Amino acid sequence: MDAENLTDSMMARIQTGMSQLGLNSGNEPRPPAMLDVLASSINIMQVLITRSRLAGDPADVVVTPLLANLGLMEFHRAGVAIDAGRRAMEAAIPQLNARLNSA
């Protein structure tokens, strides 16, 4: 195999691999990447387990930051998560104080 055919073959393999990972370029619609599907599945499973546990043993106060726009592996956006948690906690302080004062 000459160098040109080898290069074409390697480029085709790279493009195929990128397509399978959902990294193809262009504006065409693409199926979700395997890791995106896995992360979404884990998130759904975690939500269902949490709801099930809370139904059996409800918490006194639940603080739920709004993190729907944050992905499972987006550690580089920790500041966004921390700020959302801070806002959620500040909003829950009156409920927490009421619970503590009634105990």
Foldseek 3Di string as FASTA:
>chain_A
DDPVVVVVVVVVVVQVVCLQQVNHDDDDDHDHGPVQVVQVVVVVVVVVVVVVVCVVPNDQFDQDFPCPVPTPPPPVVVVVVVVSSVVSVVVCVVSVVVSVVVD
